[in-house]
PDB file of all heavy atoms in Angstrom:
ATOM      1  N   ASP A   1       0.812  -1.216   0.000  1.00  0.00           N
ATOM      2  CA  ASP A   1       0.000   0.000   0.000  1.00  0.00           C
ATOM      3  C   ASP A   1       0.843   1.263   0.000  1.00  0.00           C
ATOM      4  O   ASP A   1       0.296   2.369   0.040  1.00  0.00           O
ATOM      5  CB  ASP A   1      -0.929   0.004   1.223  1.00  0.00           C
ATOM      6  CG  ASP A   1      -1.893  -1.168   1.203  1.00  0.00           C
ATOM      7  OD1 ASP A   1      -2.420  -1.461   0.108  1.00  0.00           O
ATOM      8  OD2 ASP A   1      -2.114  -1.791   2.257  1.00  0.00           O
ATOM      9  N   SER A   2       2.161   1.103  -0.039  1.00  0.00           N
ATOM     10  CA  SER A   2       3.055   2.260  -0.108  1.00  0.00           C
ATOM     11  C   SER A   2       2.838   2.994  -1.419  1.00  0.00           C
ATOM     12  O   SER A   2       2.802   2.378  -2.489  1.00  0.00           O
ATOM     13  CB  SER A   2       4.515   1.785  -0.006  1.00  0.00           C
ATOM     14  OG  SER A   2       5.405   2.742  -0.513  1.00  0.00           O
ATOM     15  N   SER A   3       2.709   4.321  -1.355  1.00  0.00           N
ATOM     16  CA  SER A   3       2.526   5.088  -2.594  1.00  0.00           C
ATOM     17  C   SER A   3       3.753   4.978  -3.486  1.00  0.00           C
ATOM     18  O   SER A   3       3.652   5.093  -4.707  1.00  0.00           O
ATOM     19  CB  SER A   3       2.237   6.557  -2.267  1.00  0.00           C
ATOM     20  OG  SER A   3       3.310   7.145  -1.556  1.00  0.00           O
ATOM     21  N   TRP A   4       4.918   4.747  -2.886  1.00  0.00           N
ATOM     22  CA  TRP A   4       6.139   4.558  -3.674  1.00  0.00           C
ATOM     23  C   TRP A   4       6.282   3.111  -4.151  1.00  0.00           C
ATOM     24  O   TRP A   4       7.143   2.823  -4.971  1.00  0.00           O
ATOM     25  CB  TRP A   4       7.380   4.888  -2.838  1.00  0.00           C
ATOM     26  CG  TRP A   4       7.514   6.317  -2.406  1.00  0.00           C
ATOM     27  CD1 TRP A   4       6.774   7.381  -2.818  1.00  0.00           C
ATOM     28  CD2 TRP A   4       8.461   6.831  -1.460  1.00  0.00           C
ATOM     29  NE1 TRP A   4       7.209   8.523  -2.193  1.00  0.00           N
ATOM     30  CE2 TRP A   4       8.245   8.223  -1.360  1.00  0.00           C
ATOM     31  CE3 TRP A   4       9.481   6.254  -0.704  1.00  0.00           C
ATOM     32  CZ2 TRP A   4       9.007   9.042  -0.520  1.00  0.00           C
ATOM     33  CZ3 TRP A   4      10.238   7.054   0.139  1.00  0.00           C
ATOM     34  CH2 TRP A   4      10.005   8.436   0.233  1.00  0.00           C
ATOM     35  N   LEU A   5       5.465   2.196  -3.619  1.00  0.00           N
ATOM     36  CA  LEU A   5       5.634   0.742  -3.776  1.00  0.00           C
ATOM     37  C   LEU A   5       7.057   0.353  -3.371  1.00  0.00           C
ATOM     38  O   LEU A   5       7.875  -0.105  -4.164  1.00  0.00           O
ATOM     39  CB  LEU A   5       5.327   0.261  -5.191  1.00  0.00           C
ATOM     40  CG  LEU A   5       5.176  -1.258  -5.332  1.00  0.00           C
ATOM     41  CD1 LEU A   5       4.146  -1.821  -4.367  1.00  0.00           C
ATOM     42  CD2 LEU A   5       4.814  -1.656  -6.746  1.00  0.00           C
ATOM     43  N   MET A   6       7.303   0.518  -2.088  1.00  0.00           N
ATOM     44  CA  MET A   6       8.636   0.307  -1.511  1.00  0.00           C
ATOM     45  C   MET A   6       8.820  -1.144  -1.080  1.00  0.00           C
ATOM     46  O   MET A   6       7.902  -1.784  -0.564  1.00  0.00           O
ATOM     47  CB  MET A   6       8.817   1.240  -0.310  1.00  0.00           C
ATOM     48  CG  MET A   6      10.134   1.104   0.410  1.00  0.00           C
ATOM     49  SD  MET A   6      10.216   2.150   1.899  1.00  0.00           S
ATOM     50  CE  MET A   6      10.495   3.742   1.187  1.00  0.00           C
ATOM     51  N   SER A   7      10.019  -1.661  -1.317  1.00  0.00           N
ATOM     52  CA  SER A   7      10.409  -2.991  -0.862  1.00  0.00           C
ATOM     53  C   SER A   7      11.778  -2.905  -0.200  1.00  0.00           C
ATOM     54  O   SER A   7      12.548  -1.971  -0.455  1.00  0.00           O
ATOM     55  CB  SER A   7      10.480  -3.985  -2.034  1.00  0.00           C
ATOM     56  OG  SER A   7       9.251  -4.108  -2.702  1.00  0.00           O
ATOM     57  N   MET A   8      12.091  -3.894   0.629  1.00  0.00           N
ATOM     58  CA  MET A   8      13.407  -3.941   1.267  1.00  0.00           C
ATOM     59  C   MET A   8      13.844  -5.389   1.402  1.00  0.00           C
ATOM     60  O   MET A   8      13.032  -6.320   1.359  1.00  0.00           O
ATOM     61  CB  MET A   8      13.372  -3.287   2.650  1.00  0.00           C
ATOM     62  CG  MET A   8      12.449  -3.972   3.635  1.00  0.00           C
ATOM     63  SD  MET A   8      12.661  -3.427   5.343  1.00  0.00           S
ATOM     64  CE  MET A   8      14.285  -4.121   5.695  1.00  0.00           C
ATOM     65  N   VAL A   9      15.164  -5.582   1.559  1.00  0.00           N
ATOM     66  CA  VAL A   9      15.703  -6.921   1.769  1.00  0.00           C
ATOM     67  C   VAL A   9      16.941  -6.819   2.655  1.00  0.00           C
ATOM     68  O   VAL A   9      17.728  -5.875   2.533  1.00  0.00           O
ATOM     69  CB  VAL A   9      16.048  -7.604   0.422  1.00  0.00           C
ATOM     70  CG1 VAL A   9      17.120  -6.844  -0.335  1.00  0.00           C
ATOM     71  CG2 VAL A   9      16.472  -9.051   0.627  1.00  0.00           C
ATOM     72  N   VAL A  10      17.078  -7.772   3.557  1.00  0.00           N
ATOM     73  CA  VAL A  10      18.227  -7.815   4.458  1.00  0.00           C
ATOM     74  C   VAL A  10      19.072  -9.032   4.090  1.00  0.00           C
ATOM     75  O   VAL A  10      18.617 -10.177   4.213  1.00  0.00           O
ATOM     76  CB  VAL A  10      17.795  -7.901   5.932  1.00  0.00           C
ATOM     77  CG1 VAL A  10      19.033  -7.938   6.836  1.00  0.00           C
ATOM     78  CG2 VAL A  10      16.901  -6.723   6.302  1.00  0.00           C
ATOM     79  N   ALA A  11      20.294  -8.792   3.614  1.00  0.00           N
ATOM     80  CA  ALA A  11      21.207  -9.878   3.265  1.00  0.00           C
ATOM     81  C   ALA A  11      21.902 -10.412   4.514  1.00  0.00           C
ATOM     82  O   ALA A  11      21.873  -9.793   5.584  1.00  0.00           O
ATOM     83  CB  ALA A  11      22.248  -9.378   2.268  1.00  0.00           C
ATOM     84  N   ALA A  12      22.535 -11.562   4.358  1.00  0.00           N
ATOM     85  CA  ALA A  12      23.369 -12.085   5.437  1.00  0.00           C
ATOM     86  C   ALA A  12      24.486 -11.085   5.716  1.00  0.00           C
ATOM     87  O   ALA A  12      24.993 -10.430   4.816  1.00  0.00           O
ATOM     88  CB  ALA A  12      23.936 -13.443   5.053  1.00  0.00           C
ATOM     89  N   GLN A  13      24.843 -10.975   6.967  1.00  0.00           N
ATOM     90  CA  GLN A  13      25.882 -10.024   7.368  1.00  0.00           C
ATOM     91  C   GLN A  13      27.197 -10.763   7.660  1.00  0.00           C
ATOM     92  O   GLN A  13      27.170 -11.874   8.176  1.00  0.00           O
ATOM     93  CB  GLN A  13      25.425  -9.260   8.616  1.00  0.00           C
ATOM     94  CG  GLN A  13      24.092  -8.552   8.447  1.00  0.00           C
ATOM     95  CD  GLN A  13      24.134  -7.399   7.467  1.00  0.00           C
ATOM     96  OE1 GLN A  13      24.974  -6.509   7.581  1.00  0.00           O
ATOM     97  NE2 GLN A  13      23.225  -7.417   6.495  1.00  0.00           N
ATOM     98  N   PRO A  14      28.360 -10.167   7.308  1.00  0.00           N
ATOM     99  CA  PRO A  14      28.525  -8.884   6.619  1.00  0.00           C
ATOM    100  C   PRO A  14      28.236  -9.020   5.119  1.00  0.00           C
ATOM    101  O   PRO A  14      28.469 -10.070   4.529  1.00  0.00           O
ATOM    102  CB  PRO A  14      29.993  -8.552   6.859  1.00  0.00           C
ATOM    103  CG  PRO A  14      30.664  -9.884   6.950  1.00  0.00           C
ATOM    104  CD  PRO A  14      29.670 -10.788   7.626  1.00  0.00           C
ATOM    105  N   HIS A  15      27.761  -7.928   4.523  1.00  0.00           N
ATOM    106  CA  HIS A  15      27.468  -7.912   3.094  1.00  0.00           C
ATOM    107  C   HIS A  15      28.634  -7.327   2.300  1.00  0.00           C
ATOM    108  O   HIS A  15      28.709  -7.495   1.094  1.00  0.00           O
ATOM    109  CB  HIS A  15      26.198  -7.106   2.850  1.00  0.00           C
ATOM    110  CG  HIS A  15      25.597  -7.308   1.496  1.00  0.00           C
ATOM    111  ND1 HIS A  15      25.389  -8.560   0.940  1.00  0.00           N
ATOM    112  CD2 HIS A  15      25.156  -6.427   0.553  1.00  0.00           C
ATOM    113  CE1 HIS A  15      24.853  -8.433  -0.258  1.00  0.00           C
ATOM    114  NE2 HIS A  15      24.708  -7.151  -0.516  1.00  0.00           N
ATOM    115  N   PHE A  16      29.523  -6.637   2.998  1.00  0.00           N
ATOM    116  CA  PHE A  16      30.750  -6.087   2.417  1.00  0.00           C
ATOM    117  C   PHE A  16      31.927  -6.565   3.266  1.00  0.00           C
ATOM    118  O   PHE A  16      31.838  -6.618   4.495  1.00  0.00           O
ATOM    119  CB  PHE A  16      30.730  -4.558   2.398  1.00  0.00           C
ATOM    120  CG  PHE A  16      29.809  -3.959   1.381  1.00  0.00           C
ATOM    121  CD1 PHE A  16      28.449  -3.867   1.621  1.00  0.00           C
ATOM    122  CD2 PHE A  16      30.302  -3.479   0.176  1.00  0.00           C
ATOM    123  CE1 PHE A  16      27.595  -3.316   0.684  1.00  0.00           C
ATOM    124  CE2 PHE A  16      29.458  -2.925  -0.768  1.00  0.00           C
ATOM    125  CZ  PHE A  16      28.101  -2.839  -0.506  1.00  0.00           C
ATOM    126  N   LYS A  17      33.008  -6.882   2.602  1.00  0.00           N
ATOM    127  CA  LYS A  17      34.183  -7.348   3.333  1.00  0.00           C
ATOM    128  C   LYS A  17      34.724  -6.283   4.273  1.00  0.00           C
ATOM    129  O   LYS A  17      35.306  -6.600   5.314  1.00  0.00           O
ATOM    130  CB  LYS A  17      35.274  -7.776   2.349  1.00  0.00           C
ATOM    131  CG  LYS A  17      34.896  -8.974   1.498  1.00  0.00           C
ATOM    132  CD  LYS A  17      35.995  -9.339   0.512  1.00  0.00           C
ATOM    133  CE  LYS A  17      35.577 -10.474  -0.403  1.00  0.00           C
ATOM    134  NZ  LYS A  17      36.627 -10.845  -1.372  1.00  0.00           N
ATOM    135  N   ALA A  18      34.541  -5.015   3.923  1.00  0.00           N
ATOM    136  CA  ALA A  18      35.094  -3.928   4.721  1.00  0.00           C
ATOM    137  C   ALA A  18      34.203  -3.526   5.889  1.00  0.00           C
ATOM    138  O   ALA A  18      34.582  -2.656   6.682  1.00  0.00           O
ATOM    139  CB  ALA A  18      35.359  -2.706   3.842  1.00  0.00           C
ATOM    140  N   GLN A  19      33.033  -4.118   6.002  1.00  0.00           N
ATOM    141  CA  GLN A  19      32.166  -3.814   7.135  1.00  0.00           C
ATOM    142  C   GLN A  19      32.889  -4.097   8.442  1.00  0.00           C
ATOM    143  O   GLN A  19      33.590  -5.115   8.568  1.00  0.00           O
ATOM    144  CB  GLN A  19      30.913  -4.697   7.097  1.00  0.00           C
ATOM    145  CG  GLN A  19      29.683  -4.068   6.482  1.00  0.00           C
ATOM    146  CD  GLN A  19      28.520  -5.028   6.482  1.00  0.00           C
ATOM    147  OE1 GLN A  19      28.276  -5.695   5.484  1.00  0.00           O
ATOM    148  NE2 GLN A  19      27.815  -5.119   7.594  1.00  0.00           N
ATOM    149  N   THR A  20      32.686  -3.236   9.421  1.00  0.00           N
ATOM    150  CA  THR A  20      33.223  -3.529  10.748  1.00  0.00           C
ATOM    151  C   THR A  20      32.281  -4.489  11.465  1.00  0.00           C
ATOM    152  O   THR A  20      31.126  -4.683  11.056  1.00  0.00           O
ATOM    153  CB  THR A  20      33.374  -2.243  11.568  1.00  0.00           C
ATOM    154  OG1 THR A  20      32.069  -1.703  11.851  1.00  0.00           O
ATOM    155  CG2 THR A  20      34.201  -1.194  10.825  1.00  0.00           C
ATOM    156  N   ALA A  21      32.761  -5.069  12.551  1.00  0.00           N
ATOM    157  CA  ALA A  21      31.951  -6.011  13.308  1.00  0.00           C
ATOM    158  C   ALA A  21      30.734  -5.337  13.925  1.00  0.00           C
ATOM    159  O   ALA A  21      29.758  -6.004  14.282  1.00  0.00           O
ATOM    160  CB  ALA A  21      32.799  -6.669  14.391  1.00  0.00           C
ATOM    161  N   ASP A  22      30.795  -4.015  14.039  1.00  0.00           N
ATOM    162  CA  ASP A  22      29.712  -3.259  14.672  1.00  0.00           C
ATOM    163  C   ASP A  22      28.852  -2.533  13.646  1.00  0.00           C
ATOM    164  O   ASP A  22      28.209  -1.534  13.968  1.00  0.00           O
ATOM    165  CB  ASP A  22      30.297  -2.249  15.677  1.00  0.00           C
ATOM    166  CG  ASP A  22      29.218  -1.615  16.544  1.00  0.00           C
ATOM    167  OD1 ASP A  22      28.316  -2.345  16.974  1.00  0.00           O
ATOM    168  OD2 ASP A  22      29.266  -0.380  16.760  1.00  0.00           O
ATOM    169  N   GLU A  23      28.824  -3.014  12.402  1.00  0.00           N
ATOM    170  CA  GLU A  23      28.005  -2.376  11.377  1.00  0.00           C
ATOM    171  C   GLU A  23      27.080  -3.395  10.714  1.00  0.00           C
ATOM    172  O   GLU A  23      27.457  -4.558  10.537  1.00  0.00           O
ATOM    173  CB  GLU A  23      28.882  -1.743  10.290  1.00  0.00           C
ATOM    174  CG  GLU A  23      29.462  -0.396  10.677  1.00  0.00           C
ATOM    175  CD  GLU A  23      30.175   0.257   9.507  1.00  0.00           C
ATOM    176  OE1 GLU A  23      30.778  -0.468   8.697  1.00  0.00           O
ATOM    177  OE2 GLU A  23      30.138   1.497   9.406  1.00  0.00           O
ATOM    178  N   THR A  24      25.903  -2.930  10.352  1.00  0.00           N
ATOM    179  CA  THR A  24      24.951  -3.750   9.610  1.00  0.00           C
ATOM    180  C   THR A  24      24.415  -2.945   8.427  1.00  0.00           C
ATOM    181  O   THR A  24      24.395  -1.713   8.459  1.00  0.00           O
ATOM    182  CB  THR A  24      23.782  -4.208  10.497  1.00  0.00           C
ATOM    183  OG1 THR A  24      23.239  -3.081  11.202  1.00  0.00           O
ATOM    184  CG2 THR A  24      24.235  -5.251  11.490  1.00  0.00           C
ATOM    185  N   ILE A  25      23.976  -3.679   7.397  1.00  0.00           N
ATOM    186  CA  ILE A  25      23.587  -3.048   6.132  1.00  0.00           C
ATOM    187  C   ILE A  25      22.327  -3.725   5.603  1.00  0.00           C
ATOM    188  O   ILE A  25      22.170  -4.950   5.731  1.00  0.00           O
ATOM    189  CB  ILE A  25      24.724  -3.182   5.087  1.00  0.00           C
ATOM    190  CG1 ILE A  25      25.907  -2.295   5.464  1.00  0.00           C
ATOM    191  CG2 ILE A  25      24.250  -2.823   3.677  1.00  0.00           C
ATOM    192  CD1 ILE A  25      27.148  -2.575   4.646  1.00  0.00           C
ATOM    193  N   PHE A  26      21.436  -2.940   5.038  1.00  0.00           N
ATOM    194  CA  PHE A  26      20.348  -3.512   4.244  1.00  0.00           C
ATOM    195  C   PHE A  26      20.032  -2.574   3.087  1.00  0.00           C
ATOM    196  O   PHE A  26      20.509  -1.444   3.018  1.00  0.00           O
ATOM    197  CB  PHE A  26      19.104  -3.828   5.090  1.00  0.00           C
ATOM    198  CG  PHE A  26      18.393  -2.628   5.655  1.00  0.00           C
ATOM    199  CD1 PHE A  26      17.354  -2.014   4.972  1.00  0.00           C
ATOM    200  CD2 PHE A  26      18.763  -2.117   6.908  1.00  0.00           C
ATOM    201  CE1 PHE A  26      16.692  -0.929   5.493  1.00  0.00           C
ATOM    202  CE2 PHE A  26      18.103  -1.025   7.450  1.00  0.00           C
ATOM    203  CZ  PHE A  26      17.065  -0.416   6.734  1.00  0.00           C
ATOM    204  N   TRP A  27      19.182  -3.073   2.180  1.00  0.00           N
ATOM    205  CA  TRP A  27      18.941  -2.402   0.903  1.00  0.00           C
ATOM    206  C   TRP A  27      17.460  -2.357   0.619  1.00  0.00           C
ATOM    207  O   TRP A  27      16.708  -3.240   1.036  1.00  0.00           O
ATOM    208  CB  TRP A  27      19.678  -3.191  -0.188  1.00  0.00           C
ATOM    209  CG  TRP A  27      19.483  -2.731  -1.608  1.00  0.00           C
ATOM    210  CD1 TRP A  27      20.214  -1.788  -2.274  1.00  0.00           C
ATOM    211  CD2 TRP A  27      18.521  -3.214  -2.541  1.00  0.00           C
ATOM    212  NE1 TRP A  27      19.767  -1.657  -3.569  1.00  0.00           N
ATOM    213  CE2 TRP A  27      18.723  -2.516  -3.761  1.00  0.00           C
ATOM    214  CE3 TRP A  27      17.497  -4.159  -2.487  1.00  0.00           C
ATOM    215  CZ2 TRP A  27      17.946  -2.749  -4.890  1.00  0.00           C
ATOM    216  CZ3 TRP A  27      16.721  -4.391  -3.611  1.00  0.00           C
ATOM    217  CH2 TRP A  27      16.961  -3.685  -4.798  1.00  0.00           C
ATOM    218  N   GLY A  28      17.023  -1.330  -0.084  1.00  0.00           N
ATOM    219  CA  GLY A  28      15.629  -1.251  -0.479  1.00  0.00           C
ATOM    220  C   GLY A  28      15.481  -0.498  -1.788  1.00  0.00           C
ATOM    221  O   GLY A  28      16.440   0.105  -2.287  1.00  0.00           O
ATOM    222  N   TYR A  29      14.276  -0.552  -2.342  1.00  0.00           N
ATOM    223  CA  TYR A  29      14.017   0.209  -3.568  1.00  0.00           C
ATOM    224  C   TYR A  29      12.527   0.469  -3.687  1.00  0.00           C
ATOM    225  O   TYR A  29      11.703  -0.121  -2.973  1.00  0.00           O
ATOM    226  CB  TYR A  29      14.556  -0.532  -4.786  1.00  0.00           C
ATOM    227  CG  TYR A  29      13.620  -1.493  -5.474  1.00  0.00           C
ATOM    228  CD1 TYR A  29      13.079  -1.187  -6.727  1.00  0.00           C
ATOM    229  CD2 TYR A  29      13.272  -2.721  -4.898  1.00  0.00           C
ATOM    230  CE1 TYR A  29      12.233  -2.068  -7.387  1.00  0.00           C
ATOM    231  CE2 TYR A  29      12.431  -3.610  -5.556  1.00  0.00           C
ATOM    232  CZ  TYR A  29      11.913  -3.283  -6.790  1.00  0.00           C
ATOM    233  OH  TYR A  29      11.080  -4.150  -7.446  1.00  0.00           O
ATOM    234  N   ALA A  30      12.178   1.398  -4.594  1.00  0.00           N
ATOM    235  CA  ALA A  30      10.771   1.682  -4.854  1.00  0.00           C
ATOM    236  C   ALA A  30      10.594   1.987  -6.324  1.00  0.00           C
ATOM    237  O   ALA A  30      11.479   2.543  -6.983  1.00  0.00           O
ATOM    238  CB  ALA A  30      10.279   2.843  -3.994  1.00  0.00           C
ATOM    239  N   LEU A  31       9.410   1.621  -6.837  1.00  0.00           N
ATOM    240  CA  LEU A  31       9.152   1.705  -8.274  1.00  0.00           C
ATOM    241  C   LEU A  31       8.478   3.008  -8.713  1.00  0.00           C
ATOM    242  O   LEU A  31       8.523   3.358  -9.880  1.00  0.00           O
ATOM    243  CB  LEU A  31       8.272   0.525  -8.700  1.00  0.00           C
ATOM    244  CG  LEU A  31       8.983  -0.822  -8.852  1.00  0.00           C
ATOM    245  CD1 LEU A  31       7.977  -1.955  -8.948  1.00  0.00           C
ATOM    246  CD2 LEU A  31       9.893  -0.829 -10.070  1.00  0.00           C
ATOM    247  N   HIS A  32       7.833   3.708  -7.772  1.00  0.00           N
ATOM    248  CA  HIS A  32       7.071   4.907  -8.138  1.00  0.00           C
ATOM    249  C   HIS A  32       7.734   6.145  -7.543  1.00  0.00           C
ATOM    250  O   HIS A  32       7.266   6.694  -6.545  1.00  0.00           O
ATOM    251  CB  HIS A  32       5.630   4.772  -7.660  1.00  0.00           C
ATOM    252  CG  HIS A  32       4.911   3.593  -8.221  1.00  0.00           C
ATOM    253  ND1 HIS A  32       3.839   2.978  -7.589  1.00  0.00           N
ATOM    254  CD2 HIS A  32       5.114   2.883  -9.365  1.00  0.00           C
ATOM    255  CE1 HIS A  32       3.416   1.962  -8.316  1.00  0.00           C
ATOM    256  NE2 HIS A  32       4.178   1.881  -9.397  1.00  0.00           N
ATOM    257  N   THR A  33       8.798   6.590  -8.175  1.00  0.00           N
ATOM    258  CA  THR A  33       9.593   7.675  -7.595  1.00  0.00           C
ATOM    259  C   THR A  33       8.951   9.049  -7.747  1.00  0.00           C
ATOM    260  O   THR A  33       9.389  10.001  -7.113  1.00  0.00           O
ATOM    261  CB  THR A  33      10.995   7.709  -8.224  1.00  0.00           C
ATOM    262  OG1 THR A  33      10.895   8.112  -9.603  1.00  0.00           O
ATOM    263  CG2 THR A  33      11.672   6.355  -8.145  1.00  0.00           C
ATOM    264  N   ASN A  34       7.921   9.150  -8.580  1.00  0.00           N
ATOM    265  CA  ASN A  34       7.259  10.435  -8.781  1.00  0.00           C
ATOM    266  C   ASN A  34       6.094  10.658  -7.819  1.00  0.00           C
ATOM    267  O   ASN A  34       5.504  11.737  -7.792  1.00  0.00           O
ATOM    268  CB  ASN A  34       6.748  10.554 -10.226  1.00  0.00           C
ATOM    269  CG  ASN A  34       5.725   9.477 -10.559  1.00  0.00           C
ATOM    270  OD1 ASN A  34       5.763   8.376  -9.998  1.00  0.00           O
ATOM    271  ND2 ASN A  34       4.819   9.775 -11.470  1.00  0.00           N
ATOM    272  N   LYS A  35       5.758   9.632  -7.023  1.00  0.00           N
ATOM    273  CA  LYS A  35       4.630   9.737  -6.102  1.00  0.00           C
ATOM    274  C   LYS A  35       5.067  10.328  -4.758  1.00  0.00           C
ATOM    275  O   LYS A  35       6.191  10.086  -4.293  1.00  0.00           O
ATOM    276  CB  LYS A  35       4.021   8.353  -5.867  1.00  0.00           C
ATOM    277  CG  LYS A  35       3.501   7.669  -7.134  1.00  0.00           C
ATOM    278  CD  LYS A  35       2.267   8.365  -7.673  1.00  0.00           C
ATOM    279  CE  LYS A  35       1.701   7.639  -8.885  1.00  0.00           C
ATOM    280  NZ  LYS A  35       1.197   6.307  -8.576  1.00  0.00           N
ATOM    281  N   VAL A  36       4.159  11.079  -4.133  1.00  0.00           N
ATOM    282  CA  VAL A  36       4.407  11.656  -2.816  1.00  0.00           C
ATOM    283  C   VAL A  36       4.319  10.553  -1.769  1.00  0.00           C
ATOM    284  O   VAL A  36       3.421   9.690  -1.818  1.00  0.00           O
ATOM    285  CB  VAL A  36       3.392  12.778  -2.514  1.00  0.00           C
ATOM    286  CG1 VAL A  36       3.519  13.276  -1.087  1.00  0.00           C
ATOM    287  CG2 VAL A  36       3.579  13.927  -3.503  1.00  0.00           C
ATOM    288  N   GLY A  37       5.234  10.557  -0.802  1.00  0.00           N
ATOM    289  CA  GLY A  37       5.269   9.527   0.222  1.00  0.00           C
ATOM    290  C   GLY A  37       4.048   9.555   1.120  1.00  0.00           C
ATOM    291  O   GLY A  37       3.336  10.561   1.212  1.00  0.00           O
ATOM    292  N   ASP A  38       3.808   8.460   1.832  1.00  0.00           N
ATOM    293  CA  ASP A  38       2.663   8.373   2.740  1.00  0.00           C
ATOM    294  C   ASP A  38       2.929   9.105   4.050  1.00  0.00           C
ATOM    295  O   ASP A  38       1.987   9.559   4.699  1.00  0.00           O
ATOM    296  CB  ASP A  38       2.354   6.903   3.022  1.00  0.00           C
ATOM    297  CG  ASP A  38       1.992   6.146   1.756  1.00  0.00           C
ATOM    298  OD1 ASP A  38       0.929   6.443   1.181  1.00  0.00           O
ATOM    299  OD2 ASP A  38       2.785   5.285   1.322  1.00  0.00           O
ATOM    300  N   TYR A  39       4.188   9.234   4.431  1.00  0.00           N
ATOM    301  CA  TYR A  39       4.550   9.904   5.679  1.00  0.00           C
ATOM    302  C   TYR A  39       5.431  11.122   5.412  1.00  0.00           C
ATOM    303  O   TYR A  39       5.212  12.197   5.957  1.00  0.00           O
ATOM    304  CB  TYR A  39       5.251   8.914   6.611  1.00  0.00           C
ATOM    305  CG  TYR A  39       4.395   7.720   6.930  1.00  0.00           C
ATOM    306  CD1 TYR A  39       4.504   6.537   6.198  1.00  0.00           C
ATOM    307  CD2 TYR A  39       3.449   7.777   7.942  1.00  0.00           C
ATOM    308  CE1 TYR A  39       3.696   5.442   6.479  1.00  0.00           C
ATOM    309  CE2 TYR A  39       2.629   6.693   8.238  1.00  0.00           C
ATOM    310  CZ  TYR A  39       2.764   5.532   7.491  1.00  0.00           C
ATOM    311  OH  TYR A  39       1.954   4.450   7.767  1.00  0.00           O
ATOM    312  N   VAL A  40       6.431  10.946   4.552  1.00  0.00           N
ATOM    313  CA  VAL A  40       7.253  12.063   4.101  1.00  0.00           C
ATOM    314  C   VAL A  40       6.568  12.631   2.865  1.00  0.00           C
ATOM    315  O   VAL A  40       6.532  11.986   1.826  1.00  0.00           O
ATOM    316  CB  VAL A  40       8.695  11.622   3.780  1.00  0.00           C
ATOM    317  CG1 VAL A  40       9.513  12.792   3.251  1.00  0.00           C
ATOM    318  CG2 VAL A  40       9.356  11.010   5.012  1.00  0.00           C
TER     319      VAL A  40
END
């Protein structure tokens, strides 16, 4: 129901070799970049 049609995914950590032990990373994307957000 996101106006941007937003999705996210969390990969196994670490996702980069240079990540420190105290860092985590995830990624997301959206298909409708011209739409106004539901909260922002």
